[in-house]
């Protein structure tokens, strides 16, 4: 499986999580723009972001530091953060 396929799958899964956790209507994971600013354009507040981060951490068995939350402003950035943590973990295991 290529890195591109992985990131696309993670983007879709993060979109599903956000839609479910925030009870967003009239949007599907496939139609959710991964570049849209979650705070300014969707209206996610810090509590919503913390909820999403907790679900993502459980889903992928990773840790997202609270200091990173302000940087996770769109789905693509969240997905890239997840990919980086998964890659770091697999490199650590391989070492």
C-alpha atoms as a PDB file:
ATOM      1  CA  UNK A   1       0.000   0.000   0.000  1.00  0.00           C
ATOM      2  CA  UNK A   2       1.431   3.365  -0.988  1.00  0.00           C
ATOM      3  CA  UNK A   3       1.840   6.366   1.282  1.00  0.00           C
ATOM      4  CA  UNK A   4      -0.691   8.286  -0.850  1.00  0.00           C
ATOM      5  CA  UNK A   5      -3.317   5.589  -0.339  1.00  0.00           C
ATOM      6  CA  UNK A   6      -2.645   5.602   3.386  1.00  0.00           C
ATOM      7  CA  UNK A   7      -3.002   9.371   3.730  1.00  0.00           C
ATOM      8  CA  UNK A   8      -6.212   9.337   1.685  1.00  0.00           C
ATOM      9  CA  UNK A   9      -7.657   6.595   3.892  1.00  0.00           C
ATOM     10  CA  UNK A  10      -6.699   8.496   7.033  1.00  0.00           C
ATOM     11  CA  UNK A  11      -8.222  11.717   5.666  1.00  0.00           C
ATOM     12  CA  UNK A  12     -11.501   9.884   5.046  1.00  0.00           C
ATOM     13  CA  UNK A  13     -11.446   8.298   8.503  1.00  0.00           C
ATOM     14  CA  UNK A  14     -10.685  11.613  10.228  1.00  0.00           C
ATOM     15  CA  UNK A  15     -13.544  13.208   8.279  1.00  0.00           C
ATOM     16  CA  UNK A  16     -15.850  10.393   9.469  1.00  0.00           C
ATOM     17  CA  UNK A  17     -14.742  10.957  13.061  1.00  0.00           C
ATOM     18  CA  UNK A  18     -15.317  14.710  12.854  1.00  0.00           C
ATOM     19  CA  UNK A  19     -18.732  14.294  11.230  1.00  0.00           C
ATOM     20  CA  UNK A  20     -19.786  11.724  13.829  1.00  0.00           C
ATOM     21  CA  UNK A  21     -18.366  13.422  16.923  1.00  0.00           C
ATOM     22  CA  UNK A  22     -19.620  16.892  16.009  1.00  0.00           C
ATOM     23  CA  UNK A  23     -22.905  15.597  14.591  1.00  0.00           C
ATOM     24  CA  UNK A  24     -22.405  17.506  11.358  1.00  0.00           C
ATOM     25  CA  UNK A  25     -25.224  17.189   8.870  1.00  0.00           C
ATOM     26  CA  UNK A  26     -25.330  17.515   5.097  1.00  0.00           C
ATOM     27  CA  UNK A  27     -21.715  16.438   4.636  1.00  0.00           C
ATOM     28  CA  UNK A  28     -20.137  13.088   3.824  1.00  0.00           C
ATOM     29  CA  UNK A  29     -16.500  12.092   4.407  1.00  0.00           C
ATOM     30  CA  UNK A  30     -15.927  12.021   0.635  1.00  0.00           C
ATOM     31  CA  UNK A  31     -17.281  15.579   0.229  1.00  0.00           C
ATOM     32  CA  UNK A  32     -15.547  17.039   3.319  1.00  0.00           C
ATOM     33  CA  UNK A  33     -12.794  19.333   2.033  1.00  0.00           C
ATOM     34  CA  UNK A  34      -9.592  18.205   3.819  1.00  0.00           C
ATOM     35  CA  UNK A  35      -8.186  21.732   3.441  1.00  0.00           C
ATOM     36  CA  UNK A  36     -11.092  23.587   5.067  1.00  0.00           C
ATOM     37  CA  UNK A  37     -10.162  25.393   8.283  1.00  0.00           C
ATOM     38  CA  UNK A  38     -11.960  23.548  11.060  1.00  0.00           C
ATOM     39  CA  UNK A  39     -11.950  26.490  13.469  1.00  0.00           C
ATOM     40  CA  UNK A  40     -12.647  29.459  11.185  1.00  0.00           C
ATOM     41  CA  UNK A  41     -14.869  27.798   8.576  1.00  0.00           C
ATOM     42  CA  UNK A  42     -16.508  24.872  10.404  1.00  0.00           C
ATOM     43  CA  UNK A  43     -16.681  26.467  13.840  1.00  0.00           C
ATOM     44  CA  UNK A  44     -14.910  23.775  15.843  1.00  0.00           C
ATOM     45  CA  UNK A  45     -13.859  25.030  19.265  1.00  0.00           C
ATOM     46  CA  UNK A  46     -11.045  23.769  21.476  1.00  0.00           C
ATOM     47  CA  UNK A  47     -13.303  21.285  23.292  1.00  0.00           C
ATOM     48  CA  UNK A  48     -14.464  19.813  19.960  1.00  0.00           C
ATOM     49  CA  UNK A  49     -10.871  19.531  18.805  1.00  0.00           C
ATOM     50  CA  UNK A  50      -9.885  17.823  22.055  1.00  0.00           C
ATOM     51  CA  UNK A  51     -12.732  15.320  21.586  1.00  0.00           C
ATOM     52  CA  UNK A  52     -11.654  14.587  18.013  1.00  0.00           C
ATOM     53  CA  UNK A  53      -8.019  14.235  19.138  1.00  0.00           C
ATOM     54  CA  UNK A  54      -9.005  11.726  21.840  1.00  0.00           C
ATOM     55  CA  UNK A  55     -10.982   9.615  19.369  1.00  0.00           C
ATOM     56  CA  UNK A  56      -8.113   9.744  16.853  1.00  0.00           C
ATOM     57  CA  UNK A  57      -5.631   8.730  19.563  1.00  0.00           C
ATOM     58  CA  UNK A  58      -7.773   5.729  20.486  1.00  0.00           C
ATOM     59  CA  UNK A  59      -8.379   4.789  16.860  1.00  0.00           C
ATOM     60  CA  UNK A  60      -4.709   4.848  15.841  1.00  0.00           C
ATOM     61  CA  UNK A  61      -3.062   4.085  19.212  1.00  0.00           C
ATOM     62  CA  UNK A  62      -0.996   7.272  19.048  1.00  0.00           C
ATOM     63  CA  UNK A  63      -0.492  10.258  21.311  1.00  0.00           C
ATOM     64  CA  UNK A  64      -1.276  13.797  20.212  1.00  0.00           C
ATOM     65  CA  UNK A  65       0.204  16.394  22.532  1.00  0.00           C
ATOM     66  CA  UNK A  66      -2.117  19.207  23.583  1.00  0.00           C
ATOM     67  CA  UNK A  67       0.563  21.615  22.382  1.00  0.00           C
ATOM     68  CA  UNK A  68      -0.055  20.282  18.853  1.00  0.00           C
ATOM     69  CA  UNK A  69      -3.810  21.002  18.872  1.00  0.00           C
ATOM     70  CA  UNK A  70      -3.489  24.598  17.567  1.00  0.00           C
ATOM     71  CA  UNK A  71      -1.522  23.277  14.557  1.00  0.00           C
ATOM     72  CA  UNK A  72      -4.234  20.762  13.624  1.00  0.00           C
ATOM     73  CA  UNK A  73      -6.464  23.212  11.793  1.00  0.00           C
ATOM     74  CA  UNK A  74      -7.690  21.004   8.961  1.00  0.00           C
ATOM     75  CA  UNK A  75      -8.249  17.340   8.185  1.00  0.00           C
ATOM     76  CA  UNK A  76      -5.141  17.055   6.001  1.00  0.00           C
ATOM     77  CA  UNK A  77      -2.902  18.358   8.820  1.00  0.00           C
ATOM     78  CA  UNK A  78      -4.500  15.960  11.301  1.00  0.00           C
ATOM     79  CA  UNK A  79      -4.001  13.067   8.852  1.00  0.00           C
ATOM     80  CA  UNK A  80      -0.362  14.056   8.224  1.00  0.00           C
ATOM     81  CA  UNK A  81       0.211  14.195  11.991  1.00  0.00           C
ATOM     82  CA  UNK A  82      -1.250  10.690  12.325  1.00  0.00           C
ATOM     83  CA  UNK A  83       0.894   9.389   9.441  1.00  0.00           C
ATOM     84  CA  UNK A  84       4.034  10.885  10.987  1.00  0.00           C
ATOM     85  CA  UNK A  85       3.310   9.280  14.355  1.00  0.00           C
ATOM     86  CA  UNK A  86       2.536   5.912  12.753  1.00  0.00           C
ATOM     87  CA  UNK A  87       5.740   6.096  10.680  1.00  0.00           C
ATOM     88  CA  UNK A  88       7.784   7.080  13.735  1.00  0.00           C
ATOM     89  CA  UNK A  89       6.327   4.166  15.671  1.00  0.00           C
ATOM     90  CA  UNK A  90       7.068   1.638  12.896  1.00  0.00           C
ATOM     91  CA  UNK A  91      10.638   2.982  12.552  1.00  0.00           C
ATOM     92  CA  UNK A  92      11.120   2.650  16.310  1.00  0.00           C
ATOM     93  CA  UNK A  93       9.879  -0.942  16.213  1.00  0.00           C
ATOM     94  CA  UNK A  94      12.163  -1.751  13.276  1.00  0.00           C
ATOM     95  CA  UNK A  95      15.223  -0.325  15.019  1.00  0.00           C
END
